[in-house]
Each structure stands twice: as structure tokens, then as C-alpha cells.
Amino acid sequence: MTKLVLALAALLVLVAAPVRAEKVAIKFHRQVELGRFKCTDVANGNIVHRVCYDRPRRYMVINLRGTYYHYCEIDSGTVASLLKAQWIDDYYQSAIRGNFDCRTHRIPRY
């Protein structure tokens, strides 16, 4: 009985502990917490490894060769097309890179 009580107490501590979202460092910016983002790991990319998108804020964080970058005011259709592209690296290079620059587009506040 004592072991069961201890196990339940340990479980309650784990359940009650606050869940912290993953944070990533954005190149030329700061850390961003990914709790509000939907992240997708990319298996078919040599450059693109992960795409995280916050649809209500139109804000994308993308992992390119291990470094995170961000894109501002990017529409959900562009992000969906990126994730569906047969050649995801090519789509990134042609449709996203150089566009949606956070130096000229609004960076959302969190």
C-alpha cells in the first residue's frame, strides 16, 4: 500500500508541474518560445529541417541546417505549400527566402 501511495504522490507532482514550451534561438533576433506554434519536422529536405508556424500571428520559425530563422506576416497558404512541396528546399529558396523579412514586416509580440 505504501508503494502505491508514493507512486500516486509522485504522479501528482509530475502532473501538477508546469509544462514549459521549447525555446529556440532565432539568428539575429532572440529566443522564441514555441508553445503557440505548430511544428513539423521535415524528412525530405537538405536545407530545411523543421518548420514551426503560428497561424494567428502569421509568424514562421524555420530550422535551416541547424540554425533557426524567422519570417513575419507569412500567410498560411505559403507555409502549407512549403510543407507539401515535393522539393521543399527549392520551394523555400524560390517562394520564401528574401520575402517576409522581419526587418520590413511586423514581428509579433508574445
Protein backbone atom coordinates (compact mmCIF):
# COMPACT_ATOMS: atom_id res chain seq x y z
CA MET A 1 0.00 0.00 0.00
CA THR A 2 2.82 2.42 0.85
CA LYS A 3 4.45 1.94 -2.55
CA LEU A 4 1.16 2.71 -4.24
CA VAL A 5 0.70 5.90 -2.21
CA LEU A 6 4.26 7.02 -3.04
CA ALA A 7 3.74 6.28 -6.72
CA LEU A 8 0.50 8.26 -6.76
CA ALA A 9 2.16 11.17 -4.95
CA ALA A 10 4.99 11.19 -7.49
CA LEU A 11 2.48 11.14 -10.33
CA LEU A 12 0.60 14.08 -8.83
CA VAL A 13 3.83 16.08 -8.62
CA LEU A 14 4.53 15.39 -12.30
CA VAL A 15 1.01 16.29 -13.38
CA ALA A 16 0.98 19.48 -11.31
CA ALA A 17 4.37 20.65 -12.63
CA PRO A 18 4.09 23.46 -15.18
CA VAL A 19 4.79 22.45 -18.75
CA ARG A 20 7.39 24.62 -20.39
CA ALA A 21 7.38 25.08 -24.12
CA GLU A 22 10.52 24.59 -26.12
CA LYS A 23 12.53 27.75 -26.75
CA VAL A 24 14.75 28.26 -29.77
CA ALA A 25 17.28 30.99 -30.51
CA ILE A 26 16.50 32.90 -33.70
CA LYS A 27 19.51 34.14 -35.66
CA PHE A 28 19.81 37.95 -35.49
CA HIS A 29 16.88 38.12 -33.04
CA ARG A 30 16.22 36.47 -29.68
CA GLN A 31 14.77 33.31 -28.22
CA VAL A 32 11.21 32.42 -29.16
CA GLU A 33 9.01 30.05 -27.18
CA LEU A 34 7.29 27.58 -29.49
CA GLY A 35 4.26 26.86 -27.29
CA ARG A 36 1.83 28.57 -29.69
CA PHE A 37 3.42 27.17 -32.85
CA LYS A 38 2.58 24.05 -34.80
CA CYS A 39 5.93 22.45 -35.62
CA THR A 40 6.63 19.94 -38.36
CA ASP A 41 9.89 18.04 -38.73
CA VAL A 42 11.00 17.77 -42.34
CA ALA A 43 12.46 14.50 -43.56
CA ASN A 44 12.89 15.29 -47.25
CA GLY A 45 14.96 18.47 -47.00
CA ASN A 46 18.71 19.00 -47.11
CA ILE A 47 18.43 22.65 -46.03
CA VAL A 48 15.01 22.75 -44.33
CA HIS A 49 14.87 20.55 -41.22
CA ARG A 50 11.88 21.91 -39.27
CA VAL A 51 9.05 24.39 -39.81
CA CYS A 52 7.11 25.98 -36.93
CA TYR A 53 4.15 28.23 -37.69
CA ASP A 54 1.92 30.42 -35.53
CA ARG A 55 -1.06 30.87 -37.81
CA PRO A 56 -2.96 33.62 -35.90
CA ARG A 57 0.18 35.77 -35.82
CA ARG A 58 1.35 34.76 -39.33
CA TYR A 59 4.82 34.06 -37.95
CA MET A 60 7.10 31.23 -39.07
CA VAL A 61 10.24 29.92 -37.45
CA ILE A 62 12.29 27.61 -39.65
CA ASN A 63 15.34 25.47 -38.97
CA LEU A 64 17.82 25.64 -41.83
CA ARG A 65 20.82 23.36 -41.37
CA GLY A 66 20.56 23.60 -37.58
CA THR A 67 20.01 27.39 -37.33
CA TYR A 68 16.60 28.94 -36.70
CA TYR A 69 15.40 31.94 -38.73
CA HIS A 70 12.07 33.74 -38.64
CA TYR A 71 9.65 35.09 -41.24
CA CYS A 72 6.97 37.66 -40.49
CA GLU A 73 3.49 38.22 -41.94
CA ILE A 74 3.74 34.98 -43.91
CA ASP A 75 0.39 33.58 -44.97
CA SER A 76 -0.78 30.08 -44.11
CA GLY A 77 -1.12 29.13 -47.79
CA THR A 78 2.59 29.72 -48.38
CA VAL A 79 3.52 27.67 -45.32
CA ALA A 80 1.15 24.87 -46.37
CA SER A 81 2.67 24.87 -49.87
CA LEU A 82 6.14 24.69 -48.37
CA LEU A 83 5.23 21.66 -46.28
CA LYS A 84 3.51 19.93 -49.25
CA ALA A 85 6.26 20.69 -51.77
CA GLN A 86 7.94 17.71 -53.40
CA TRP A 87 11.23 19.63 -53.30
CA ILE A 88 10.90 21.57 -50.06
CA ASP A 89 14.36 23.17 -50.30
CA ASP A 90 13.61 24.51 -53.79
CA TYR A 91 10.24 25.88 -52.67
CA TYR A 92 11.88 27.61 -49.72
CA GLN A 93 14.53 29.17 -51.99
CA SER A 94 12.05 30.38 -54.60
CA ALA A 95 8.99 31.43 -52.58
CA ILE A 96 10.14 32.29 -49.06
CA ARG A 97 13.81 33.25 -48.90
CA GLY A 98 14.10 37.01 -49.34
CA ASN A 99 10.37 37.50 -48.71
CA PHE A 100 8.52 38.03 -45.43
CA ASP A 101 11.62 39.67 -43.95
CA CYS A 102 11.09 40.57 -40.30
CA ARG A 103 13.15 43.74 -40.80
CA THR A 104 10.40 45.11 -43.04
CA HIS A 105 7.39 43.14 -41.77
CA ARG A 106 5.95 43.33 -38.27
CA ILE A 107 7.35 40.90 -35.68
CA PRO A 108 4.51 39.71 -33.42
CA ARG A 109 4.67 40.31 -29.68
CA TYR A 110 4.39 37.41 -27.26
